[in-house]
């Protein structure tokens, strides 16, 4: 097994190790599964102007064997213990807005799967592979955060209904365009 692949595996295993309690409080993104008010179990801050907050995480695993075979797995998760709501029930409109945050995270999970596949298939030795992997992960994380903020800014946290509909369509179209990178 290549030395850099072993190092990559160790880095990813260390950075993204999850205990069983963490996994139990998370919902895996699936196209047939939509969030409900009951999924928002986090403690609401005393003072917040928001009605709800969605917390998502991308989990990465990379496995390599002695035959230089490499398998990458990226999952998009909704954290039920960190996501919260102000009221007992979220109305369907606000719930859709929060679902779209989860969908944006899944879009970036797909982009990351695509980038990692390309990285693993490339035999480019001009750059340090560990650095290249870190760059891919950081770029993806930055893109996700930027898009999440832009989404909230343009929709004014769901207050601008026309912009919200535009974003709903945009996110659905982008997920469909990257359907080859959906985990089944």
N, C-alpha and C. Protein backbone atom coordinates (compact mmCIF):
# COMPACT_ATOMS: atom_id res chain seq x y z
N UNK A 1 0.85 -1.17 0.00
CA UNK A 1 0.00 0.00 0.00
C UNK A 1 0.89 1.23 0.00
N UNK A 2 0.51 2.24 -0.78
CA UNK A 2 1.31 3.45 -0.85
C UNK A 2 1.38 4.13 0.51
N UNK A 3 2.53 4.71 0.78
CA UNK A 3 2.73 5.39 2.06
C UNK A 3 1.74 6.53 2.23
N UNK A 4 1.49 7.31 1.17
CA UNK A 4 0.60 8.45 1.31
C UNK A 4 -0.84 8.01 1.55
N UNK A 5 -1.24 6.88 1.01
CA UNK A 5 -2.60 6.39 1.26
C UNK A 5 -2.76 6.00 2.73
N UNK A 6 -1.73 5.36 3.30
CA UNK A 6 -1.77 5.03 4.74
C UNK A 6 -1.88 6.29 5.56
N UNK A 7 -1.11 7.32 5.21
CA UNK A 7 -1.16 8.58 5.94
C UNK A 7 -2.53 9.23 5.81
N UNK A 8 -3.10 9.20 4.62
CA UNK A 8 -4.43 9.77 4.39
C UNK A 8 -5.44 9.04 5.26
N UNK A 9 -5.37 7.73 5.29
CA UNK A 9 -6.30 6.93 6.09
C UNK A 9 -6.19 7.30 7.56
N UNK A 10 -4.99 7.44 8.05
CA UNK A 10 -4.78 7.80 9.46
C UNK A 10 -5.33 9.19 9.74
N UNK A 11 -5.07 10.14 8.86
CA UNK A 11 -5.57 11.51 9.04
C UNK A 11 -7.09 11.51 9.08
N UNK A 12 -7.72 10.87 8.13
CA UNK A 12 -9.18 10.87 8.08
C UNK A 12 -9.76 10.12 9.26
N UNK A 13 -9.19 9.00 9.61
CA UNK A 13 -9.69 8.25 10.77
C UNK A 13 -9.60 9.08 12.03
N UNK A 14 -8.50 9.80 12.20
CA UNK A 14 -8.31 10.60 13.40
C UNK A 14 -9.26 11.80 13.41
N UNK A 15 -9.36 12.52 12.30
CA UNK A 15 -10.16 13.73 12.27
C UNK A 15 -11.65 13.48 12.34
N UNK A 16 -12.11 12.35 11.86
CA UNK A 16 -13.54 12.14 11.75
C UNK A 16 -14.03 10.92 12.51
N UNK A 17 -13.34 10.53 13.58
CA UNK A 17 -13.76 9.42 14.41
C UNK A 17 -15.03 9.79 15.15
N UNK A 18 -16.00 8.89 15.13
CA UNK A 18 -17.27 9.15 15.80
C UNK A 18 -17.55 8.03 16.79
N UNK A 19 -18.05 8.39 17.97
CA UNK A 19 -18.45 7.35 18.90
C UNK A 19 -19.90 6.95 18.62
N UNK A 20 -20.36 5.86 19.22
CA UNK A 20 -21.70 5.34 18.91
C UNK A 20 -22.80 6.29 19.35
N UNK A 21 -22.59 7.06 20.41
CA UNK A 21 -23.60 8.02 20.86
C UNK A 21 -23.83 9.08 19.79
N UNK A 22 -22.74 9.56 19.18
CA UNK A 22 -22.85 10.57 18.14
C UNK A 22 -23.65 10.04 16.96
N UNK A 23 -23.39 8.83 16.54
CA UNK A 23 -24.10 8.25 15.40
C UNK A 23 -25.58 8.09 15.72
N UNK A 24 -25.93 7.72 16.94
CA UNK A 24 -27.32 7.49 17.31
C UNK A 24 -28.17 8.75 17.23
N UNK A 25 -27.57 9.91 17.38
CA UNK A 25 -28.34 11.15 17.35
C UNK A 25 -28.32 11.82 15.98
N UNK A 26 -27.99 11.07 14.95
CA UNK A 26 -27.91 11.64 13.62
C UNK A 26 -28.81 10.91 12.64
N UNK A 27 -29.27 11.66 11.65
CA UNK A 27 -30.11 11.11 10.59
C UNK A 27 -29.33 11.18 9.29
N UNK A 28 -29.20 10.06 8.64
CA UNK A 28 -28.51 9.98 7.36
C UNK A 28 -29.40 10.58 6.27
N UNK A 29 -28.81 11.42 5.39
CA UNK A 29 -29.58 12.01 4.29
C UNK A 29 -29.98 10.91 3.32
N UNK A 30 -31.24 10.88 2.98
CA UNK A 30 -31.77 9.98 1.95
C UNK A 30 -32.84 10.74 1.19
N UNK A 31 -32.96 10.48 -0.08
CA UNK A 31 -33.93 11.21 -0.90
C UNK A 31 -35.37 10.94 -0.46
N UNK A 32 -35.62 9.80 0.15
CA UNK A 32 -36.98 9.46 0.57
C UNK A 32 -37.26 9.78 2.04
N UNK A 33 -36.36 10.49 2.69
CA UNK A 33 -36.51 10.80 4.11
C UNK A 33 -36.47 12.31 4.30
N UNK A 34 -37.51 12.86 4.88
CA UNK A 34 -37.57 14.30 5.11
C UNK A 34 -37.69 14.59 6.60
N UNK A 35 -37.11 15.70 6.98
CA UNK A 35 -37.10 16.08 8.39
C UNK A 35 -38.52 16.38 8.90
N UNK A 36 -38.71 16.14 10.19
CA UNK A 36 -39.97 16.52 10.85
C UNK A 36 -39.62 17.39 12.06
N UNK A 37 -40.62 18.02 12.63
CA UNK A 37 -40.40 18.85 13.82
C UNK A 37 -39.77 18.04 14.95
N UNK A 38 -40.12 16.77 15.02
CA UNK A 38 -39.62 15.92 16.10
C UNK A 38 -38.12 15.65 16.01
N UNK A 39 -37.51 15.94 14.86
CA UNK A 39 -36.08 15.69 14.68
C UNK A 39 -35.22 16.80 15.31
N UNK A 40 -35.81 17.92 15.67
CA UNK A 40 -35.08 19.05 16.22
C UNK A 40 -35.14 18.98 17.74
N UNK A 41 -34.15 18.32 18.34
CA UNK A 41 -34.16 18.04 19.78
C UNK A 41 -33.13 18.83 20.58
N UNK A 42 -32.38 19.68 19.92
CA UNK A 42 -31.36 20.46 20.62
C UNK A 42 -31.97 21.51 21.52
N UNK A 43 -31.17 21.97 22.44
CA UNK A 43 -31.61 23.01 23.38
C UNK A 43 -31.54 24.37 22.69
N UNK A 44 -32.67 25.06 22.68
CA UNK A 44 -32.75 26.39 22.07
C UNK A 44 -32.01 27.39 22.94
N UNK A 45 -31.18 28.24 22.34
CA UNK A 45 -30.53 29.29 23.13
C UNK A 45 -31.58 30.22 23.73
N UNK A 46 -31.27 30.81 24.87
CA UNK A 46 -32.23 31.70 25.52
C UNK A 46 -32.64 32.86 24.62
N UNK A 47 -31.68 33.45 23.97
CA UNK A 47 -31.97 34.57 23.08
C UNK A 47 -31.53 34.22 21.67
N UNK A 48 -32.49 34.09 20.79
CA UNK A 48 -32.19 33.87 19.38
C UNK A 48 -33.33 34.44 18.56
N UNK A 49 -32.97 35.09 17.49
CA UNK A 49 -34.01 35.63 16.62
C UNK A 49 -34.51 34.61 15.60
N UNK A 50 -33.86 33.43 15.54
CA UNK A 50 -34.25 32.41 14.58
C UNK A 50 -35.31 31.50 15.18
N UNK A 51 -36.12 30.93 14.31
CA UNK A 51 -37.16 29.98 14.76
C UNK A 51 -36.64 28.55 14.80
N UNK A 52 -35.59 28.28 14.05
CA UNK A 52 -35.01 26.93 14.03
C UNK A 52 -33.59 27.01 13.47
N UNK A 53 -32.78 26.02 13.83
CA UNK A 53 -31.42 25.91 13.30
C UNK A 53 -31.16 24.45 12.95
N UNK A 54 -30.62 24.24 11.76
CA UNK A 54 -30.25 22.91 11.29
C UNK A 54 -28.74 22.75 11.36
N UNK A 55 -28.29 21.68 11.99
CA UNK A 55 -26.85 21.38 12.08
C UNK A 55 -26.61 20.09 11.30
N UNK A 56 -25.74 20.18 10.31
CA UNK A 56 -25.40 19.00 9.50
C UNK A 56 -23.90 18.75 9.59
N UNK A 57 -23.52 17.53 9.27
CA UNK A 57 -22.12 17.14 9.27
C UNK A 57 -21.87 16.20 8.10
N UNK A 58 -20.69 16.32 7.53
CA UNK A 58 -20.26 15.36 6.53
C UNK A 58 -19.24 14.46 7.20
N UNK A 59 -19.44 13.15 7.08
CA UNK A 59 -18.52 12.17 7.66
C UNK A 59 -17.76 11.51 6.53
N UNK A 60 -16.46 11.34 6.72
CA UNK A 60 -15.60 10.78 5.70
C UNK A 60 -14.89 9.55 6.23
N UNK A 61 -14.84 8.52 5.43
CA UNK A 61 -13.99 7.37 5.74
C UNK A 61 -13.26 6.97 4.46
N UNK A 62 -12.05 6.53 4.65
CA UNK A 62 -11.22 6.09 3.54
C UNK A 62 -10.58 4.79 3.97
N UNK A 63 -10.77 3.75 3.16
CA UNK A 63 -10.17 2.45 3.48
C UNK A 63 -9.24 2.05 2.36
N UNK A 64 -8.09 1.58 2.76
CA UNK A 64 -7.12 1.08 1.78
C UNK A 64 -6.66 -0.29 2.24
N UNK A 65 -6.45 -1.18 1.28
CA UNK A 65 -5.93 -2.51 1.65
C UNK A 65 -4.54 -2.69 1.06
N UNK A 66 -3.95 -3.83 1.35
CA UNK A 66 -2.56 -4.07 0.92
C UNK A 66 -2.43 -4.22 -0.59
N UNK A 67 -3.52 -4.34 -1.31
CA UNK A 67 -3.46 -4.46 -2.77
C UNK A 67 -3.66 -3.10 -3.45
N UNK A 68 -3.51 -2.02 -2.68
CA UNK A 68 -3.70 -0.66 -3.18
C UNK A 68 -5.13 -0.40 -3.65
N UNK A 69 -6.08 -1.14 -3.10
CA UNK A 69 -7.48 -0.87 -3.38
C UNK A 69 -7.97 0.15 -2.36
N UNK A 70 -8.66 1.16 -2.84
CA UNK A 70 -9.10 2.25 -1.97
C UNK A 70 -10.61 2.42 -2.09
N UNK A 71 -11.27 2.56 -0.95
CA UNK A 71 -12.71 2.82 -0.92
C UNK A 71 -12.96 4.08 -0.09
N UNK A 72 -13.75 4.98 -0.64
CA UNK A 72 -14.08 6.23 0.04
C UNK A 72 -15.57 6.24 0.32
N UNK A 73 -15.93 6.69 1.51
CA UNK A 73 -17.34 6.83 1.85
C UNK A 73 -17.55 8.20 2.47
N UNK A 74 -18.51 8.94 1.93
CA UNK A 74 -18.87 10.26 2.45
C UNK A 74 -20.37 10.20 2.75
N UNK A 75 -20.74 10.53 3.98
CA UNK A 75 -22.15 10.55 4.34
C UNK A 75 -22.52 11.93 4.87
N UNK A 76 -23.75 12.31 4.62
CA UNK A 76 -24.29 13.58 5.08
C UNK A 76 -25.27 13.27 6.19
N UNK A 77 -25.07 13.91 7.34
CA UNK A 77 -25.88 13.62 8.53
C UNK A 77 -26.52 14.89 9.09
N UNK A 78 -27.72 14.73 9.62
CA UNK A 78 -28.43 15.78 10.35
C UNK A 78 -28.28 15.47 11.83
N UNK A 79 -27.81 16.41 12.62
CA UNK A 79 -27.59 16.19 14.05
C UNK A 79 -28.84 16.61 14.82
N UNK A 80 -29.55 15.63 15.35
CA UNK A 80 -30.81 15.90 16.06
C UNK A 80 -30.60 16.57 17.41
N UNK A 81 -29.44 16.37 18.02
CA UNK A 81 -29.19 16.94 19.35
C UNK A 81 -28.62 18.36 19.30
N UNK A 82 -28.15 18.79 18.14
CA UNK A 82 -27.65 20.16 18.00
C UNK A 82 -28.61 21.04 17.22
N UNK A 83 -29.49 20.44 16.43
CA UNK A 83 -30.50 21.19 15.70
C UNK A 83 -31.65 21.48 16.65
N UNK A 84 -32.17 22.68 16.58
CA UNK A 84 -33.21 23.06 17.54
C UNK A 84 -34.31 23.88 16.86
N UNK A 85 -35.43 23.98 17.58
CA UNK A 85 -36.57 24.78 17.12
C UNK A 85 -37.08 25.60 18.30
N UNK A 86 -37.65 26.75 17.98
CA UNK A 86 -38.16 27.65 19.02
C UNK A 86 -39.51 27.17 19.54
N UNK A 87 -40.35 26.69 18.64
CA UNK A 87 -41.71 26.30 19.01
C UNK A 87 -41.86 24.79 18.98
N UNK A 88 -42.94 24.31 19.55
CA UNK A 88 -43.18 22.86 19.62
C UNK A 88 -43.23 22.24 18.22
N UNK A 89 -43.89 22.91 17.31
CA UNK A 89 -44.01 22.43 15.93
C UNK A 89 -43.49 23.47 14.95
N UNK A 90 -42.84 22.99 13.90
CA UNK A 90 -42.42 23.87 12.81
C UNK A 90 -43.49 23.81 11.73
N UNK A 91 -43.87 24.97 11.20
CA UNK A 91 -44.85 24.94 10.11
C UNK A 91 -44.19 24.35 8.87
N UNK A 92 -44.97 23.82 7.94
CA UNK A 92 -44.41 23.14 6.76
C UNK A 92 -43.46 24.02 5.94
N UNK A 93 -43.75 25.32 5.86
CA UNK A 93 -42.91 26.22 5.09
C UNK A 93 -41.51 26.33 5.73
N UNK A 94 -41.45 26.55 7.02
CA UNK A 94 -40.17 26.65 7.72
C UNK A 94 -39.44 25.31 7.72
N UNK A 95 -40.19 24.23 7.86
CA UNK A 95 -39.59 22.90 7.82
C UNK A 95 -38.92 22.65 6.47
N UNK A 96 -39.55 23.12 5.39
CA UNK A 96 -38.95 22.99 4.05
C UNK A 96 -37.66 23.80 3.96
N UNK A 97 -37.66 24.98 4.56
CA UNK A 97 -36.44 25.80 4.57
C UNK A 97 -35.31 25.05 5.28
N UNK A 98 -35.61 24.45 6.41
CA UNK A 98 -34.59 23.70 7.16
C UNK A 98 -34.16 22.45 6.40
N UNK A 99 -35.11 21.77 5.74
CA UNK A 99 -34.79 20.61 4.92
C UNK A 99 -33.81 21.01 3.81
N UNK A 100 -33.99 22.21 3.27
CA UNK A 100 -33.10 22.68 2.20
C UNK A 100 -31.68 22.87 2.70
N UNK A 101 -31.50 23.25 3.98
CA UNK A 101 -30.15 23.31 4.54
C UNK A 101 -29.52 21.91 4.52
N UNK A 102 -30.30 20.92 4.89
CA UNK A 102 -29.84 19.53 4.88
C UNK A 102 -29.52 19.11 3.44
N UNK A 103 -30.36 19.50 2.49
CA UNK A 103 -30.15 19.17 1.08
C UNK A 103 -28.89 19.83 0.52
N UNK A 104 -28.61 21.06 0.94
CA UNK A 104 -27.38 21.73 0.49
C UNK A 104 -26.17 20.95 1.01
N UNK A 105 -26.23 20.50 2.24
CA UNK A 105 -25.12 19.70 2.79
C UNK A 105 -24.94 18.43 1.97
N UNK A 106 -26.05 17.78 1.59
CA UNK A 106 -25.95 16.58 0.75
C UNK A 106 -25.36 16.92 -0.61
N UNK A 107 -25.70 18.05 -1.17
CA UNK A 107 -25.11 18.48 -2.44
C UNK A 107 -23.59 18.55 -2.31
N UNK A 108 -23.09 19.09 -1.20
CA UNK A 108 -21.64 19.16 -1.01
C UNK A 108 -21.04 17.80 -0.69
N UNK A 109 -21.81 16.90 -0.12
CA UNK A 109 -21.33 15.53 0.06
C UNK A 109 -21.11 14.90 -1.32
N UNK A 110 -22.02 15.14 -2.24
CA UNK A 110 -21.87 14.61 -3.60
C UNK A 110 -20.68 15.24 -4.31
N UNK A 111 -20.50 16.54 -4.14
CA UNK A 111 -19.34 17.20 -4.75
C UNK A 111 -18.05 16.63 -4.18
N UNK A 112 -18.05 16.36 -2.89
CA UNK A 112 -16.86 15.78 -2.27
C UNK A 112 -16.60 14.37 -2.79
N UNK A 113 -17.66 13.57 -2.92
CA UNK A 113 -17.49 12.22 -3.49
C UNK A 113 -16.88 12.31 -4.89
N UNK A 114 -17.36 13.25 -5.69
CA UNK A 114 -16.86 13.44 -7.04
C UNK A 114 -15.38 13.84 -7.00
N UNK A 115 -15.03 14.81 -6.16
CA UNK A 115 -13.64 15.27 -6.07
C UNK A 115 -12.71 14.18 -5.56
N UNK A 116 -13.17 13.42 -4.57
CA UNK A 116 -12.32 12.35 -4.04
C UNK A 116 -12.13 11.23 -5.05
N UNK A 117 -13.16 10.93 -5.81
CA UNK A 117 -13.03 9.91 -6.86
C UNK A 117 -12.00 10.36 -7.89
N UNK A 118 -12.09 11.60 -8.30
CA UNK A 118 -11.14 12.15 -9.26
C UNK A 118 -9.72 12.13 -8.68
N UNK A 119 -9.58 12.50 -7.42
CA UNK A 119 -8.28 12.50 -6.73
C UNK A 119 -7.68 11.10 -6.70
N UNK A 120 -8.49 10.10 -6.38
CA UNK A 120 -7.98 8.74 -6.27
C UNK A 120 -7.63 8.13 -7.62
N UNK A 121 -8.29 8.58 -8.67
CA UNK A 121 -8.01 8.05 -10.01
C UNK A 121 -6.83 8.74 -10.68
N UNK A 122 -6.44 9.92 -10.19
CA UNK A 122 -5.35 10.69 -10.78
C UNK A 122 -4.01 10.19 -10.26
N UNK A 123 -3.08 10.02 -11.15
CA UNK A 123 -1.73 9.59 -10.78
C UNK A 123 -0.77 10.78 -10.82
N UNK A 124 -1.28 11.94 -10.44
CA UNK A 124 -0.49 13.17 -10.46
C UNK A 124 0.43 13.21 -9.24
N UNK A 125 1.73 13.11 -9.46
CA UNK A 125 2.68 13.12 -8.36
C UNK A 125 3.41 14.46 -8.20
N UNK A 126 2.93 15.49 -8.89
CA UNK A 126 3.58 16.79 -8.80
C UNK A 126 3.33 17.47 -7.46
N UNK A 127 2.24 17.12 -6.81
CA UNK A 127 1.89 17.73 -5.54
C UNK A 127 1.89 16.69 -4.44
N UNK A 128 2.07 17.13 -3.24
CA UNK A 128 2.01 16.27 -2.06
C UNK A 128 0.58 15.75 -1.91
N UNK A 129 0.36 14.43 -1.97
CA UNK A 129 -1.00 13.89 -1.91
C UNK A 129 -1.74 14.23 -0.62
N UNK A 130 -1.04 14.26 0.52
CA UNK A 130 -1.70 14.62 1.77
C UNK A 130 -2.22 16.06 1.70
N UNK A 131 -1.40 16.94 1.15
CA UNK A 131 -1.79 18.33 1.02
C UNK A 131 -2.99 18.45 0.07
N UNK A 132 -2.93 17.70 -1.01
CA UNK A 132 -4.01 17.76 -2.00
C UNK A 132 -5.33 17.30 -1.38
N UNK A 133 -5.29 16.25 -0.59
CA UNK A 133 -6.50 15.77 0.08
C UNK A 133 -7.02 16.81 1.07
N UNK A 134 -6.14 17.37 1.86
CA UNK A 134 -6.55 18.42 2.80
C UNK A 134 -7.18 19.59 2.06
N UNK A 135 -6.60 19.95 0.94
CA UNK A 135 -7.13 21.04 0.12
C UNK A 135 -8.54 20.72 -0.36
N UNK A 136 -8.76 19.51 -0.84
CA UNK A 136 -10.08 19.09 -1.31
C UNK A 136 -11.10 19.19 -0.16
N UNK A 137 -10.74 18.69 1.00
CA UNK A 137 -11.65 18.72 2.16
C UNK A 137 -11.95 20.16 2.58
N UNK A 138 -10.92 20.99 2.67
CA UNK A 138 -11.13 22.38 3.08
C UNK A 138 -11.94 23.17 2.06
N UNK A 139 -11.66 22.96 0.78
CA UNK A 139 -12.40 23.66 -0.27
C UNK A 139 -13.88 23.27 -0.23
N UNK A 140 -14.16 22.00 -0.03
CA UNK A 140 -15.54 21.54 0.04
C UNK A 140 -16.24 22.14 1.26
N UNK A 141 -15.57 22.12 2.40
CA UNK A 141 -16.15 22.67 3.62
C UNK A 141 -16.45 24.16 3.46
N UNK A 142 -15.51 24.88 2.85
CA UNK A 142 -15.71 26.31 2.61
C UNK A 142 -16.90 26.54 1.66
N UNK A 143 -16.98 25.76 0.60
CA UNK A 143 -18.09 25.90 -0.35
C UNK A 143 -19.43 25.65 0.31
N UNK A 144 -19.50 24.64 1.15
CA UNK A 144 -20.75 24.33 1.86
C UNK A 144 -21.15 25.49 2.77
N UNK A 145 -20.22 25.96 3.59
CA UNK A 145 -20.53 27.07 4.51
C UNK A 145 -20.95 28.31 3.74
N UNK A 146 -20.23 28.63 2.66
CA UNK A 146 -20.54 29.81 1.85
C UNK A 146 -21.95 29.70 1.26
N UNK A 147 -22.28 28.54 0.72
CA UNK A 147 -23.59 28.35 0.11
C UNK A 147 -24.69 28.40 1.15
N UNK A 148 -24.47 27.82 2.32
CA UNK A 148 -25.47 27.87 3.40
C UNK A 148 -25.76 29.32 3.80
N UNK A 149 -24.69 30.12 3.94
CA UNK A 149 -24.87 31.53 4.32
C UNK A 149 -25.56 32.32 3.21
N UNK A 150 -25.18 32.05 1.97
CA UNK A 150 -25.79 32.74 0.84
C UNK A 150 -27.28 32.40 0.75
N UNK A 151 -27.61 31.15 0.98
CA UNK A 151 -29.00 30.69 0.99
C UNK A 151 -29.81 31.46 2.03
N UNK A 152 -29.32 31.53 3.24
CA UNK A 152 -30.04 32.26 4.30
C UNK A 152 -30.11 33.76 4.00
N UNK A 153 -29.02 34.32 3.48
CA UNK A 153 -29.00 35.74 3.17
C UNK A 153 -30.01 36.07 2.08
N UNK A 154 -30.03 35.29 1.00
CA UNK A 154 -30.92 35.60 -0.11
C UNK A 154 -32.38 35.31 0.21
N UNK A 155 -32.64 34.31 1.01
CA UNK A 155 -34.04 34.01 1.37
C UNK A 155 -34.46 34.76 2.63
N UNK A 156 -33.52 35.46 3.25
CA UNK A 156 -33.74 36.12 4.56
C UNK A 156 -34.33 35.12 5.54
N UNK A 157 -33.63 33.98 5.63
CA UNK A 157 -34.00 32.90 6.56
C UNK A 157 -35.44 32.47 6.35
N UNK A 158 -35.84 32.36 5.12
CA UNK A 158 -37.15 31.90 4.62
C UNK A 158 -38.17 33.01 4.51
N UNK A 159 -37.83 34.24 4.88
CA UNK A 159 -38.78 35.36 4.85
C UNK A 159 -39.15 35.84 3.46
N UNK A 160 -38.29 35.61 2.48
CA UNK A 160 -38.57 36.03 1.10
C UNK A 160 -39.05 34.81 0.32
N UNK A 161 -40.34 34.69 0.19
CA UNK A 161 -40.95 33.48 -0.37
C UNK A 161 -40.56 33.22 -1.82
N UNK A 162 -40.45 34.24 -2.64
CA UNK A 162 -40.07 34.04 -4.05
C UNK A 162 -38.65 33.50 -4.12
N UNK A 163 -37.74 34.11 -3.36
CA UNK A 163 -36.35 33.63 -3.34
C UNK A 163 -36.29 32.21 -2.78
N UNK A 164 -37.13 31.92 -1.79
CA UNK A 164 -37.15 30.57 -1.22
C UNK A 164 -37.54 29.55 -2.29
N UNK A 165 -38.56 29.86 -3.07
CA UNK A 165 -38.97 28.95 -4.16
C UNK A 165 -37.86 28.78 -5.19
N UNK A 166 -37.17 29.89 -5.52
CA UNK A 166 -36.06 29.80 -6.47
C UNK A 166 -34.96 28.88 -5.94
N UNK A 167 -34.63 29.03 -4.66
CA UNK A 167 -33.61 28.18 -4.06
C UNK A 167 -34.06 26.73 -3.99
N UNK A 168 -35.32 26.49 -3.67
CA UNK A 168 -35.83 25.11 -3.62
C UNK A 168 -35.62 24.44 -4.97
N UNK A 169 -35.94 25.15 -6.04
CA UNK A 169 -35.77 24.62 -7.40
C UNK A 169 -34.29 24.41 -7.72
N UNK A 170 -33.48 25.41 -7.39
CA UNK A 170 -32.04 25.33 -7.67
C UNK A 170 -31.41 24.12 -6.96
N UNK A 171 -31.71 23.95 -5.69
CA UNK A 171 -31.14 22.84 -4.93
C UNK A 171 -31.59 21.50 -5.51
N UNK A 172 -32.87 21.38 -5.81
CA UNK A 172 -33.39 20.12 -6.39
C UNK A 172 -32.72 19.83 -7.73
N UNK A 173 -32.54 20.85 -8.56
CA UNK A 173 -31.90 20.67 -9.86
C UNK A 173 -30.44 20.24 -9.71
N UNK A 174 -29.72 20.85 -8.77
CA UNK A 174 -28.32 20.50 -8.57
C UNK A 174 -28.17 19.10 -7.99
N UNK A 175 -29.06 18.72 -7.09
CA UNK A 175 -29.02 17.34 -6.57
C UNK A 175 -29.27 16.34 -7.70
N UNK A 176 -30.22 16.66 -8.56
CA UNK A 176 -30.53 15.77 -9.69
C UNK A 176 -29.33 15.68 -10.65
N UNK A 177 -28.70 16.81 -10.90
CA UNK A 177 -27.55 16.84 -11.82
C UNK A 177 -26.38 16.00 -11.28
N UNK A 178 -26.31 15.86 -9.97
CA UNK A 178 -25.21 15.09 -9.36
C UNK A 178 -25.71 13.75 -8.82
N UNK A 179 -26.79 13.25 -9.37
CA UNK A 179 -27.39 12.00 -8.87
C UNK A 179 -26.44 10.80 -8.99
N UNK A 180 -25.45 10.87 -9.88
CA UNK A 180 -24.47 9.79 -9.99
C UNK A 180 -23.64 9.63 -8.72
N UNK A 181 -23.62 10.67 -7.89
CA UNK A 181 -22.81 10.63 -6.67
C UNK A 181 -23.67 10.52 -5.42
N UNK A 182 -24.94 10.11 -5.60
CA UNK A 182 -25.81 9.86 -4.45
C UNK A 182 -25.50 8.47 -3.89
N UNK A 183 -25.49 8.37 -2.57
CA UNK A 183 -25.28 7.06 -1.93
C UNK A 183 -26.64 6.41 -1.80
N UNK A 184 -26.73 5.17 -2.27
CA UNK A 184 -28.03 4.46 -2.19
C UNK A 184 -28.10 3.58 -0.98
